[in-house]
mmCIF file of all heavy atoms, coordinates in Angstrom:
data_MODEL
# 
_entry.id   MODEL 
# 
loop_
_atom_site.group_PDB 
_atom_site.id 
_atom_site.type_symbol 
_atom_site.label_atom_id 
_atom_site.label_alt_id 
_atom_site.label_comp_id 
_atom_site.label_asym_id 
_atom_site.label_entity_id 
_atom_site.label_seq_id 
_atom_site.pdbx_PDB_ins_code 
_atom_site.Cartn_x 
_atom_site.Cartn_y 
_atom_site.Cartn_z 
_atom_site.occupancy 
_atom_site.B_iso_or_equiv 
_atom_site.pdbx_formal_charge 
_atom_site.auth_seq_id 
_atom_site.auth_comp_id 
_atom_site.auth_asym_id 
_atom_site.auth_atom_id 
_atom_site.pdbx_PDB_model_num 
ATOM 1   N N   . SER A 1 1  ? 12.617 -97.002  -48.999 1.00 0.00 ? 1  SER A N   1 
ATOM 2   C CA  . SER A 1 1  ? 12.078 -98.047  -49.863 1.00 0.00 ? 1  SER A CA  1 
ATOM 3   C C   . SER A 1 1  ? 12.944 -99.293  -49.734 1.00 0.00 ? 1  SER A C   1 
ATOM 4   O O   . SER A 1 1  ? 14.173 -99.212  -49.819 1.00 0.00 ? 1  SER A O   1 
ATOM 5   C CB  . SER A 1 1  ? 12.063 -97.569  -51.319 1.00 0.00 ? 1  SER A CB  1 
ATOM 6   O OG  . SER A 1 1  ? 11.740 -98.626  -52.198 1.00 0.00 ? 1  SER A OG  1 
ATOM 7   N N   . VAL A 1 2  ? 12.311 -100.458 -49.542 1.00 0.00 ? 2  VAL A N   1 
ATOM 8   C CA  . VAL A 1 2  ? 13.087 -101.687 -49.402 1.00 0.00 ? 2  VAL A CA  1 
ATOM 9   C C   . VAL A 1 2  ? 13.552 -102.216 -50.755 1.00 0.00 ? 2  VAL A C   1 
ATOM 10  O O   . VAL A 1 2  ? 14.426 -103.084 -50.809 1.00 0.00 ? 2  VAL A O   1 
ATOM 11  C CB  . VAL A 1 2  ? 12.273 -102.775 -48.662 1.00 0.00 ? 2  VAL A CB  1 
ATOM 12  C CG1 . VAL A 1 2  ? 11.848 -102.276 -47.293 1.00 0.00 ? 2  VAL A CG1 1 
ATOM 13  C CG2 . VAL A 1 2  ? 11.053 -103.212 -49.467 1.00 0.00 ? 2  VAL A CG2 1 
ATOM 14  N N   . ASP A 1 3  ? 12.978 -101.713 -51.851 1.00 0.00 ? 3  ASP A N   1 
ATOM 15  C CA  . ASP A 1 3  ? 13.378 -102.125 -53.195 1.00 0.00 ? 3  ASP A CA  1 
ATOM 16  C C   . ASP A 1 3  ? 14.057 -100.950 -53.887 1.00 0.00 ? 3  ASP A C   1 
ATOM 17  O O   . ASP A 1 3  ? 14.172 -99.854  -53.321 1.00 0.00 ? 3  ASP A O   1 
ATOM 18  C CB  . ASP A 1 3  ? 12.156 -102.577 -53.996 1.00 0.00 ? 3  ASP A CB  1 
ATOM 19  C CG  . ASP A 1 3  ? 11.175 -101.432 -54.200 1.00 0.00 ? 3  ASP A CG  1 
ATOM 20  O OD1 . ASP A 1 3  ? 10.624 -100.921 -53.199 1.00 0.00 ? 3  ASP A OD1 1 
ATOM 21  O OD2 . ASP A 1 3  ? 10.996 -101.010 -55.345 1.00 0.00 ? 3  ASP A OD2 1 
ATOM 22  N N   . ASP A 1 4  ? 14.515 -101.172 -55.108 1.00 0.00 ? 4  ASP A N   1 
ATOM 23  C CA  . ASP A 1 4  ? 15.232 -100.108 -55.812 1.00 0.00 ? 4  ASP A CA  1 
ATOM 24  C C   . ASP A 1 4  ? 14.317 -99.247  -56.673 1.00 0.00 ? 4  ASP A C   1 
ATOM 25  O O   . ASP A 1 4  ? 14.774 -98.333  -57.352 1.00 0.00 ? 4  ASP A O   1 
ATOM 26  C CB  . ASP A 1 4  ? 16.353 -100.696 -56.674 1.00 0.00 ? 4  ASP A CB  1 
ATOM 27  C CG  . ASP A 1 4  ? 15.851 -101.601 -57.786 1.00 0.00 ? 4  ASP A CG  1 
ATOM 28  O OD1 . ASP A 1 4  ? 14.636 -101.899 -57.819 1.00 0.00 ? 4  ASP A OD1 1 
ATOM 29  O OD2 . ASP A 1 4  ? 16.671 -102.036 -58.611 1.00 0.00 ? 4  ASP A OD2 1 
ATOM 30  N N   . ARG A 1 5  ? 12.993 -99.495  -56.633 1.00 0.00 ? 5  ARG A N   1 
ATOM 31  C CA  . ARG A 1 5  ? 12.038 -98.762  -57.482 1.00 0.00 ? 5  ARG A CA  1 
ATOM 32  C C   . ARG A 1 5  ? 11.222 -97.750  -56.701 1.00 0.00 ? 5  ARG A C   1 
ATOM 33  O O   . ARG A 1 5  ? 10.274 -97.180  -57.240 1.00 0.00 ? 5  ARG A O   1 
ATOM 34  C CB  . ARG A 1 5  ? 11.099 -99.759  -58.184 1.00 0.00 ? 5  ARG A CB  1 
ATOM 35  C CG  . ARG A 1 5  ? 11.790 -100.709 -59.142 1.00 0.00 ? 5  ARG A CG  1 
ATOM 36  C CD  . ARG A 1 5  ? 10.792 -101.566 -59.905 1.00 0.00 ? 5  ARG A CD  1 
ATOM 37  N NE  . ARG A 1 5  ? 10.063 -102.483 -59.026 1.00 0.00 ? 5  ARG A NE  1 
ATOM 38  C CZ  . ARG A 1 5  ? 8.741  -102.594 -58.982 1.00 0.00 ? 5  ARG A CZ  1 
ATOM 39  N NH1 . ARG A 1 5  ? 7.982  -101.823 -59.761 1.00 0.00 ? 5  ARG A NH1 1 
ATOM 40  N NH2 . ARG A 1 5  ? 8.170  -103.458 -58.181 1.00 0.00 ? 5  ARG A NH2 1 
ATOM 41  N N   . TRP A 1 6  ? 11.552 -97.546  -55.426 1.00 0.00 ? 6  TRP A N   1 
ATOM 42  C CA  . TRP A 1 6  ? 10.792 -96.652  -54.554 1.00 0.00 ? 6  TRP A CA  1 
ATOM 43  C C   . TRP A 1 6  ? 9.357  -97.145  -54.380 1.00 0.00 ? 6  TRP A C   1 
ATOM 44  O O   . TRP A 1 6  ? 8.446  -96.354  -54.132 1.00 0.00 ? 6  TRP A O   1 
ATOM 45  C CB  . TRP A 1 6  ? 10.767 -95.210  -55.096 1.00 0.00 ? 6  TRP A CB  1 
ATOM 46  C CG  . TRP A 1 6  ? 12.091 -94.593  -55.364 1.00 0.00 ? 6  TRP A CG  1 
ATOM 47  C CD1 . TRP A 1 6  ? 12.688 -94.417  -56.578 1.00 0.00 ? 6  TRP A CD1 1 
ATOM 48  C CD2 . TRP A 1 6  ? 12.993 -94.046  -54.386 1.00 0.00 ? 6  TRP A CD2 1 
ATOM 49  N NE1 . TRP A 1 6  ? 13.907 -93.801  -56.426 1.00 0.00 ? 6  TRP A NE1 1 
ATOM 50  C CE2 . TRP A 1 6  ? 14.126 -93.556  -55.086 1.00 0.00 ? 6  TRP A CE2 1 
ATOM 51  C CE3 . TRP A 1 6  ? 12.968 -93.912  -53.001 1.00 0.00 ? 6  TRP A CE3 1 
ATOM 52  C CZ2 . TRP A 1 6  ? 15.202 -92.949  -54.458 1.00 0.00 ? 6  TRP A CZ2 1 
ATOM 53  C CZ3 . TRP A 1 6  ? 14.046 -93.311  -52.364 1.00 0.00 ? 6  TRP A CZ3 1 
ATOM 54  C CH2 . TRP A 1 6  ? 15.145 -92.839  -53.094 1.00 0.00 ? 6  TRP A CH2 1 
ATOM 55  N N   . PHE A 1 7  ? 9.139  -98.468  -54.498 1.00 0.00 ? 7  PHE A N   1 
ATOM 56  C CA  . PHE A 1 7  ? 7.772  -98.990  -54.508 1.00 0.00 ? 7  PHE A CA  1 
ATOM 57  C C   . PHE A 1 7  ? 7.306  -99.455  -53.124 1.00 0.00 ? 7  PHE A C   1 
ATOM 58  O O   . PHE A 1 7  ? 6.283  -99.003  -52.619 1.00 0.00 ? 7  PHE A O   1 
ATOM 59  C CB  . PHE A 1 7  ? 7.660  -100.134 -55.525 1.00 0.00 ? 7  PHE A CB  1 
ATOM 60  C CG  . PHE A 1 7  ? 6.314  -100.802 -55.540 1.00 0.00 ? 7  PHE A CG  1 
ATOM 61  C CD1 . PHE A 1 7  ? 5.144  -100.056 -55.531 1.00 0.00 ? 7  PHE A CD1 1 
ATOM 62  C CD2 . PHE A 1 7  ? 6.203  -102.189 -55.565 1.00 0.00 ? 7  PHE A CD2 1 
ATOM 63  C CE1 . PHE A 1 7  ? 3.893  -100.667 -55.537 1.00 0.00 ? 7  PHE A CE1 1 
ATOM 64  C CE2 . PHE A 1 7  ? 4.961  -102.812 -55.575 1.00 0.00 ? 7  PHE A CE2 1 
ATOM 65  C CZ  . PHE A 1 7  ? 3.809  -102.050 -55.558 1.00 0.00 ? 7  PHE A CZ  1 
ATOM 66  N N   . VAL A 1 8  ? 8.031  -100.387 -52.511 1.00 0.00 ? 8  VAL A N   1 
ATOM 67  C CA  . VAL A 1 8  ? 7.604  -100.957 -51.226 1.00 0.00 ? 8  VAL A CA  1 
ATOM 68  C C   . VAL A 1 8  ? 8.325  -100.214 -50.102 1.00 0.00 ? 8  VAL A C   1 
ATOM 69  O O   . VAL A 1 8  ? 9.526  -100.363 -49.929 1.00 0.00 ? 8  VAL A O   1 
ATOM 70  C CB  . VAL A 1 8  ? 7.907  -102.458 -51.148 1.00 0.00 ? 8  VAL A CB  1 
ATOM 71  C CG1 . VAL A 1 8  ? 7.413  -103.025 -49.802 1.00 0.00 ? 8  VAL A CG1 1 
ATOM 72  C CG2 . VAL A 1 8  ? 7.255  -103.202 -52.310 1.00 0.00 ? 8  VAL A CG2 1 
ATOM 73  N N   . PRO A 1 9  ? 7.602  -99.412  -49.346 1.00 0.00 ? 9  PRO A N   1 
ATOM 74  C CA  . PRO A 1 9  ? 8.282  -98.613  -48.326 1.00 0.00 ? 9  PRO A CA  1 
ATOM 75  C C   . PRO A 1 9  ? 8.367  -99.334  -46.986 1.00 0.00 ? 9  PRO A C   1 
ATOM 76  O O   . PRO A 1 9  ? 7.639  -100.299 -46.720 1.00 0.00 ? 9  PRO A O   1 
ATOM 77  C CB  . PRO A 1 9  ? 7.373  -97.389  -48.194 1.00 0.00 ? 9  PRO A CB  1 
ATOM 78  C CG  . PRO A 1 9  ? 5.999  -97.941  -48.437 1.00 0.00 ? 9  PRO A CG  1 
ATOM 79  C CD  . PRO A 1 9  ? 6.178  -99.047  -49.460 1.00 0.00 ? 9  PRO A CD  1 
ATOM 80  N N   . HIS A 1 10 ? 9.276  -98.856  -46.149 1.00 0.00 ? 10 HIS A N   1 
ATOM 81  C CA  . HIS A 1 10 ? 9.157  -99.074  -44.710 1.00 0.00 ? 10 HIS A CA  1 
ATOM 82  C C   . HIS A 1 10 ? 8.274  -97.921  -44.251 1.00 0.00 ? 10 HIS A C   1 
ATOM 83  O O   . HIS A 1 10 ? 8.631  -96.761  -44.417 1.00 0.00 ? 10 HIS A O   1 
ATOM 84  C CB  . HIS A 1 10 ? 10.528 -99.042  -44.053 1.00 0.00 ? 10 HIS A CB  1 
ATOM 85  C CG  . HIS A 1 10 ? 10.472 -99.178  -42.563 1.00 0.00 ? 10 HIS A CG  1 
ATOM 86  N ND1 . HIS A 1 10 ? 9.698  -100.121 -41.940 1.00 0.00 ? 10 HIS A ND1 1 
ATOM 87  C CD2 . HIS A 1 10 ? 11.067 -98.479  -41.580 1.00 0.00 ? 10 HIS A CD2 1 
ATOM 88  C CE1 . HIS A 1 10 ? 9.830  -99.998  -40.639 1.00 0.00 ? 10 HIS A CE1 1 
ATOM 89  N NE2 . HIS A 1 10 ? 10.649 -99.008  -40.389 1.00 0.00 ? 10 HIS A NE2 1 
ATOM 90  N N   . PHE A 1 11 ? 7.123  -98.217  -43.684 1.00 0.00 ? 11 PHE A N   1 
ATOM 91  C CA  . PHE A 1 11 ? 5.997  -97.291  -43.685 1.00 0.00 ? 11 PHE A CA  1 
ATOM 92  C C   . PHE A 1 11 ? 6.051  -96.175  -42.639 1.00 0.00 ? 11 PHE A C   1 
ATOM 93  O O   . PHE A 1 11 ? 5.169  -95.324  -42.632 1.00 0.00 ? 11 PHE A O   1 
ATOM 94  C CB  . PHE A 1 11 ? 4.694  -98.067  -43.512 1.00 0.00 ? 11 PHE A CB  1 
ATOM 95  C CG  . PHE A 1 11 ? 4.270  -98.831  -44.738 1.00 0.00 ? 11 PHE A CG  1 
ATOM 96  C CD1 . PHE A 1 11 ? 4.667  -100.143 -44.926 1.00 0.00 ? 11 PHE A CD1 1 
ATOM 97  C CD2 . PHE A 1 11 ? 3.487  -98.236  -45.704 1.00 0.00 ? 11 PHE A CD2 1 
ATOM 98  C CE1 . PHE A 1 11 ? 4.278  -100.854 -46.049 1.00 0.00 ? 11 PHE A CE1 1 
ATOM 99  C CE2 . PHE A 1 11 ? 3.090  -98.932  -46.835 1.00 0.00 ? 11 PHE A CE2 1 
ATOM 100 C CZ  . PHE A 1 11 ? 3.491  -100.249 -47.014 1.00 0.00 ? 11 PHE A CZ  1 
ATOM 101 N N   . GLU A 1 12 ? 7.017  -96.168  -41.735 1.00 0.00 ? 12 GLU A N   1 
ATOM 102 C CA  . GLU A 1 12 ? 6.999  -95.095  -40.737 1.00 0.00 ? 12 GLU A CA  1 
ATOM 103 C C   . GLU A 1 12 ? 7.247  -93.743  -41.411 1.00 0.00 ? 12 GLU A C   1 
ATOM 104 O O   . GLU A 1 12 ? 7.868  -93.657  -42.472 1.00 0.00 ? 12 GLU A O   1 
ATOM 105 C CB  . GLU A 1 12 ? 8.035  -95.342  -39.642 1.00 0.00 ? 12 GLU A CB  1 
ATOM 106 C CG  . GLU A 1 12 ? 9.482  -95.292  -40.099 1.00 0.00 ? 12 GLU A CG  1 
ATOM 107 C CD  . GLU A 1 12 ? 10.438 -95.604  -38.967 1.00 0.00 ? 12 GLU A CD  1 
ATOM 108 O OE1 . GLU A 1 12 ? 10.215 -95.133  -37.850 1.00 0.00 ? 12 GLU A OE1 1 
ATOM 109 O OE2 . GLU A 1 12 ? 11.420 -96.332  -39.225 1.00 0.00 ? 12 GLU A OE2 1 
ATOM 110 N N   . LYS A 1 13 ? 6.753  -92.697  -40.785 1.00 0.00 ? 13 LYS A N   1 
ATOM 111 C CA  . LYS A 1 13 ? 6.907  -91.336  -41.298 1.00 0.00 ? 13 LYS A CA  1 
ATOM 112 C C   . LYS A 1 13 ? 7.591  -90.494  -40.231 1.00 0.00 ? 13 LYS A C   1 
ATOM 113 O O   . LYS A 1 13 ? 7.115  -90.436  -39.088 1.00 0.00 ? 13 LYS A O   1 
ATOM 114 C CB  . LYS A 1 13 ? 5.543  -90.726  -41.634 1.00 0.00 ? 13 LYS A CB  1 
ATOM 115 C CG  . LYS A 1 13 ? 4.865  -91.273  -42.874 1.00 0.00 ? 13 LYS A CG  1 
ATOM 116 C CD  . LYS A 1 13 ? 3.505  -90.583  -43.034 1.00 0.00 ? 13 LYS A CD  1 
ATOM 117 C CE  . LYS A 1 13 ? 2.904  -90.786  -44.400 1.00 0.00 ? 13 LYS A CE  1 
ATOM 118 N NZ  . LYS A 1 13 ? 1.617  -90.055  -44.529 1.00 0.00 ? 13 LYS A NZ  1 
ATOM 119 N N   . MET A 1 14 ? 8.681  -89.836  -40.614 1.00 0.00 ? 14 MET A N   1 
ATOM 120 C CA  . MET A 1 14 ? 9.475  -89.059  -39.671 1.00 0.00 ? 14 MET A CA  1 
ATOM 121 C C   . MET A 1 14 ? 9.358  -87.567  -40.009 1.00 0.00 ? 14 MET A C   1 
ATOM 122 O O   . MET A 1 14 ? 9.437  -87.170  -41.178 1.00 0.00 ? 14 MET A O   1 
ATOM 123 C CB  . MET A 1 14 ? 10.948 -89.477  -39.739 1.00 0.00 ? 14 MET A CB  1 
ATOM 124 C CG  . MET A 1 14 ? 11.193 -90.981  -39.715 1.00 0.00 ? 14 MET A CG  1 
ATOM 125 S SD  . MET A 1 14 ? 10.538 -91.809  -38.242 1.00 0.00 ? 14 MET A SD  1 
ATOM 126 C CE  . MET A 1 14 ? 11.643 -91.167  -36.986 1.00 0.00 ? 14 MET A CE  1 
ATOM 127 N N   . LEU A 1 15 ? 9.235  -86.748  -38.981 1.00 0.00 ? 15 LEU A N   1 
ATOM 128 C CA  . LEU A 1 15 ? 9.147  -85.304  -39.203 1.00 0.00 ? 15 LEU A CA  1 
ATOM 129 C C   . LEU A 1 15 ? 10.387 -84.778  -39.888 1.00 0.00 ? 15 LEU A C   1 
ATOM 130 O O   . LEU A 1 15 ? 10.299 -83.932  -40.790 1.00 0.00 ? 15 LEU A O   1 
ATOM 131 C CB  . LEU A 1 15 ? 8.931  -84.580  -37.867 1.00 0.00 ? 15 LEU A CB  1 
ATOM 132 C CG  . LEU A 1 15 ? 8.864  -83.048  -37.949 1.00 0.00 ? 15 LEU A CG  1 
ATOM 133 C CD1 . LEU A 1 15 ? 7.664  -82.596  -38.770 1.00 0.00 ? 15 LEU A CD1 1 
ATOM 134 C CD2 . LEU A 1 15 ? 8.796  -82.439  -36.548 1.00 0.00 ? 15 LEU A CD2 1 
ATOM 135 N N   . TYR A 1 16 ? 11.569 -85.260  -39.478 1.00 0.00 ? 16 TYR A N   1 
ATOM 136 C CA  . TYR A 1 16 ? 12.789 -84.702  -40.081 1.00 0.00 ? 16 TYR A CA  1 
ATOM 137 C C   . TYR A 1 16 ? 12.875 -84.995  -41.568 1.00 0.00 ? 16 TYR A C   1 
ATOM 138 O O   . TYR A 1 16 ? 13.421 -84.199  -42.332 1.00 0.00 ? 16 TYR A O   1 
ATOM 139 C CB  . TYR A 1 16 ? 14.047 -85.166  -39.337 1.00 0.00 ? 16 TYR A CB  1 
ATOM 140 C CG  . TYR A 1 16 ? 14.282 -86.657  -39.246 1.00 0.00 ? 16 TYR A CG  1 
ATOM 141 C CD1 . TYR A 1 16 ? 14.638 -87.423  -40.345 1.00 0.00 ? 16 TYR A CD1 1 
ATOM 142 C CD2 . TYR A 1 16 ? 14.193 -87.303  -38.018 1.00 0.00 ? 16 TYR A CD2 1 
ATOM 143 C CE1 . TYR A 1 16 ? 14.881 -88.785  -40.243 1.00 0.00 ? 16 TYR A CE1 1 
ATOM 144 C CE2 . TYR A 1 16 ? 14.440 -88.661  -37.895 1.00 0.00 ? 16 TYR A CE2 1 
ATOM 145 C CZ  . TYR A 1 16 ? 14.782 -89.401  -39.012 1.00 0.00 ? 16 TYR A CZ  1 
ATOM 146 O OH  . TYR A 1 16 ? 15.022 -90.756  -38.903 1.00 0.00 ? 16 TYR A OH  1 
ATOM 147 N N   . ASP A 1 17 ? 12.320 -86.137  -42.014 1.00 0.00 ? 17 ASP A N   1 
ATOM 148 C CA  . ASP A 1 17 ? 12.278 -86.414  -43.453 1.00 0.00 ? 17 ASP A CA  1 
ATOM 149 C C   . ASP A 1 17 ? 11.348 -85.437  -44.161 1.00 0.00 ? 17 ASP A C   1 
ATOM 150 O O   . ASP A 1 17 ? 11.688 -84.896  -45.224 1.00 0.00 ? 17 ASP A O   1 
ATOM 151 C CB  . ASP A 1 17 ? 11.790 -87.842  -43.710 1.00 0.00 ? 17 ASP A CB  1 
ATOM 152 C CG  . ASP A 1 17 ? 12.859 -88.889  -43.503 1.00 0.00 ? 17 ASP A CG  1 
ATOM 153 O OD1 . ASP A 1 17 ? 14.036 -88.597  -43.745 1.00 0.00 ? 17 ASP A OD1 1 
ATOM 154 O OD2 . ASP A 1 17 ? 12.509 -90.012  -43.100 1.00 0.00 ? 17 ASP A OD2 1 
ATOM 155 N N   . GLN A 1 18 ? 10.165 -85.225  -43.613 1.00 0.00 ? 18 GLN A N   1 
ATOM 156 C CA  . GLN A 1 18 ? 9.193  -84.350  -44.273 1.00 0.00 ? 18 GLN A CA  1 
ATOM 157 C C   . GLN A 1 18 ? 9.778  -82.952  -44.449 1.00 0.00 ? 18 GLN A C   1 
ATOM 158 O O   . GLN A 1 18 ? 9.660  -82.335  -45.518 1.00 0.00 ? 18 GLN A O   1 
ATOM 159 C CB  . GLN A 1 18 ? 7.887  -84.278  -43.468 1.00 0.00 ? 18 GLN A CB  1 
ATOM 160 C CG  . GLN A 1 18 ? 7.333  -85.600  -42.973 1.00 0.00 ? 18 GLN A CG  1 
ATOM 161 C CD  . GLN A 1 18 ? 7.172  -86.670  -44.046 1.00 0.00 ? 18 GLN A CD  1 
ATOM 162 O OE1 . GLN A 1 18 ? 6.788  -86.381  -45.180 1.00 0.00 ? 18 GLN A OE1 1 
ATOM 163 N NE2 . GLN A 1 18 ? 7.475  -87.907  -43.690 1.00 0.00 ? 18 GLN A NE2 1 
ATOM 164 N N   . ALA A 1 19 ? 10.396 -82.430  -43.389 1.00 0.00 ? 19 ALA A N   1 
ATOM 165 C CA  . ALA A 1 19 ? 10.927 -81.067  -43.445 1.00 0.00 ? 19 ALA A CA  1 
ATOM 166 C C   . ALA A 1 19 ? 11.995 -80.933  -44.515 1.00 0.00 ? 19 ALA A C   1 
ATOM 167 O O   . ALA A 1 19 ? 11.985 -79.980  -45.318 1.00 0.00 ? 19 ALA A O   1 
ATOM 168 C CB  . ALA A 1 19 ? 11.486 -80.679  -42.078 1.00 0.00 ? 19 ALA A CB  1 
ATOM 169 N N   . GLN A 1 20 ? 12.915 -81.873  -44.562 1.00 0.00 ? 20 GLN A N   1 
ATOM 170 C CA  . GLN A 1 20 ? 14.030 -81.759  -45.513 1.00 0.00 ? 20 GLN A CA  1 
ATOM 171 C C   . GLN A 1 20 ? 13.595 -82.039  -46.943 1.00 0.00 ? 20 GLN A C   1 
ATOM 172 O O   . GLN A 1 20 ? 14.070 -81.387  -47.882 1.00 0.00 ? 20 GLN A O   1 
ATOM 173 C CB  . GLN A 1 20 ? 15.152 -82.711  -45.095 1.00 0.00 ? 20 GLN A CB  1 
ATOM 174 C CG  . GLN A 1 20 ? 15.787 -82.340  -43.767 1.00 0.00 ? 20 GLN A CG  1 
ATOM 175 C CD  . GLN A 1 20 ? 16.849 -83.336  -43.361 1.00 0.00 ? 20 GLN A CD  1 
ATOM 176 O OE1 . GLN A 1 20 ? 18.041 -83.163  -43.631 1.00 0.00 ? 20 GLN A OE1 1 
ATOM 177 N NE2 . GLN A 1 20 ? 16.434 -84.404  -42.720 1.00 0.00 ? 20 GLN A NE2 1 
ATOM 178 N N   . ILE A 1 21 ? 12.697 -82.997  -47.137 1.00 0.00 ? 21 ILE A N   1 
ATOM 179 C CA  . ILE A 1 21 ? 12.204 -83.277  -48.492 1.00 0.00 ? 21 ILE A CA  1 
ATOM 180 C C   . ILE A 1 21 ? 11.426 -82.079  -49.026 1.00 0.00 ? 21 ILE A C   1 
ATOM 181 O O   . ILE A 1 21 ? 11.524 -81.736  -50.212 1.00 0.00 ? 21 ILE A O   1 
ATOM 182 C CB  . ILE A 1 21 ? 11.347 -84.554  -48.504 1.00 0.00 ? 21 ILE A CB  1 
ATOM 183 C CG1 . ILE A 1 21 ? 12.214 -85.783  -48.232 1.00 0.00 ? 21 ILE A CG1 1 
ATOM 184 C CG2 . ILE A 1 21 ? 10.623 -84.703  -49.839 1.00 0.00 ? 21 ILE A CG2 1 
ATOM 185 C CD1 . ILE A 1 21 ? 11.421 -87.066  -48.020 1.00 0.00 ? 21 ILE A CD1 1 
ATOM 186 N N   . ALA A 1 22 ? 10.659 -81.427  -48.162 1.00 0.00 ? 22 ALA A N   1 
ATOM 187 C CA  . ALA A 1 22 ? 9.914  -80.238  -48.608 1.00 0.00 ? 22 ALA A CA  1 
ATOM 188 C C   . ALA A 1 22 ? 10.866 -79.170  -49.128 1.00 0.00 ? 22 ALA A C   1 
ATOM 189 O O   . ALA A 1 22 ? 10.617 -78.538  -50.167 1.00 0.00 ? 22 ALA A O   1 
ATOM 190 C CB  . ALA A 1 22 ? 9.068  -79.686  -47.463 1.00 0.00 ? 22 ALA A CB  1 
ATOM 191 N N   . VAL A 1 23 ? 11.982 -78.958  -48.432 1.00 0.00 ? 23 VAL A N   1 
ATOM 192 C CA  . VAL A 1 23 ? 12.960 -77.968  -48.893 1.00 0.00 ? 23 VAL A CA  1 
ATOM 193 C C   . VAL A 1 23 ? 13.592 -78.408  -50.204 1.00 0.00 ? 23 VAL A C   1 
ATOM 194 O O   . VAL A 1 23 ? 13.791 -77.596  -51.124 1.00 0.00 ? 23 VAL A O   1 
ATOM 195 C CB  . VAL A 1 23 ? 14.028 -77.728  -47.805 1.00 0.00 ? 23 VAL A CB  1 
ATOM 196 C CG1 . VAL A 1 23 ? 15.146 -76.840  -48.343 1.00 0.00 ? 23 VAL A CG1 1 
ATOM 197 C CG2 . VAL A 1 23 ? 13.394 -77.087  -46.568 1.00 0.00 ? 23 VAL A CG2 1 
ATOM 198 N N   . ASN A 1 24 ? 13.914 -79.704  -50.332 1.00 0.00 ? 24 ASN A N   1 
ATOM 199 C CA  . ASN A 1 24 ? 14.416 -80.209  -51.613 1.00 0.00 ? 24 ASN A CA  1 
ATOM 200 C C   . ASN A 1 24 ? 13.448 -79.892  -52.747 1.00 0.00 ? 24 ASN A C   1 
ATOM 201 O O   . ASN A 1 24 ? 13.854 -79.467  -53.843 1.00 0.00 ? 24 ASN A O   1 
ATOM 202 C CB  . ASN A 1 24 ? 14.614 -81.725  -51.554 1.00 0.00 ? 24 ASN A CB  1 
ATOM 203 C CG  . ASN A 1 24 ? 15.836 -82.187  -50.805 1.00 0.00 ? 24 ASN A CG  1 
ATOM 204 O OD1 . ASN A 1 24 ? 15.901 -83.331  -50.341 1.00 0.00 ? 24 ASN A OD1 1 
ATOM 205 N ND2 . ASN A 1 24 ? 16.822 -81.325  -50.663 1.00 0.00 ? 24 ASN A ND2 1 
ATOM 206 N N   . CYS A 1 25 ? 12.159 -80.098  -52.507 1.00 0.00 ? 25 CYS A N   1 
ATOM 207 C CA  . CYS A 1 25 ? 11.155 -79.854  -53.546 1.00 0.00 ? 25 CYS A CA  1 
ATOM 208 C C   . CYS A 1 25 ? 11.090 -78.374  -53.906 1.00 0.00 ? 25 CYS A C   1 
ATOM 209 O O   . CYS A 1 25 ? 11.000 -78.009  -55.089 1.00 0.00 ? 25 CYS A O   1 
ATOM 210 C CB  . CYS A 1 25 ? 9.793  -80.343  -53.089 1.00 0.00 ? 25 CYS A CB  1 
ATOM 211 S SG  . CYS A 1 25 ? 9.667  -82.134  -52.889 1.00 0.00 ? 25 CYS A SG  1 
ATOM 212 N N   . LEU A 1 26 ? 11.127 -77.513  -52.901 1.00 0.00 ? 26 LEU A N   1 
ATOM 213 C CA  . LEU A 1 26 ? 11.082 -76.074  -53.158 1.00 0.00 ? 26 LEU A CA  1 
ATOM 214 C C   . LEU A 1 26 ? 12.281 -75.635  -53.994 1.00 0.00 ? 26 LEU A C   1 
ATOM 215 O O   . LEU A 1 26 ? 12.140 -74.855  -54.946 1.00 0.00 ? 26 LEU A O   1 
ATOM 216 C CB  . LEU A 1 26 ? 11.054 -75.317  -51.832 1.00 0.00 ? 26 LEU A CB  1 
ATOM 217 C CG  . LEU A 1 26 ? 9.776  -75.484  -50.995 1.00 0.00 ? 26 LEU A CG  1 
ATOM 218 C CD1 . LEU A 1 26 ? 10.001 -74.975  -49.580 1.00 0.00 ? 26 LEU A CD1 1 
ATOM 219 C CD2 . LEU A 1 26 ? 8.605  -74.752  -51.643 1.00 0.00 ? 26 LEU A CD2 1 
ATOM 220 N N   . GLU A 1 27 ? 13.454 -76.140  -53.661 1.00 0.00 ? 27 GLU A N   1 
ATOM 221 C CA  . GLU A 1 27 ? 14.657 -75.749  -54.408 1.00 0.00 ? 27 GLU A CA  1 
ATOM 222 C C   . GLU A 1 27 ? 14.663 -76.370  -55.801 1.00 0.00 ? 27 GLU A C   1 
ATOM 223 O O   . GLU A 1 27 ? 15.153 -75.749  -56.755 1.00 0.00 ? 27 GLU A O   1 
ATOM 224 C CB  . GLU A 1 27 ? 15.901 -76.134  -53.623 1.00 0.00 ? 27 GLU A CB  1 
ATOM 225 C CG  . GLU A 1 27 ? 16.059 -75.325  -52.330 1.00 0.00 ? 27 GLU A CG  1 
ATOM 226 C CD  . GLU A 1 27 ? 17.377 -75.574  -51.634 1.00 0.00 ? 27 GLU A CD  1 
ATOM 227 O OE1 . GLU A 1 27 ? 18.036 -76.595  -51.925 1.00 0.00 ? 27 GLU A OE1 1 
ATOM 228 O OE2 . GLU A 1 27 ? 17.742 -74.751  -50.769 1.00 0.00 ? 27 GLU A OE2 1 
# 
């Protein structure tokens, strides 16, 4: 996010982010 509110993203999507965030959510 380019701002501090998680509002305006840099829009690319990375596989390594998805995998690790999913584990964070599960835990």
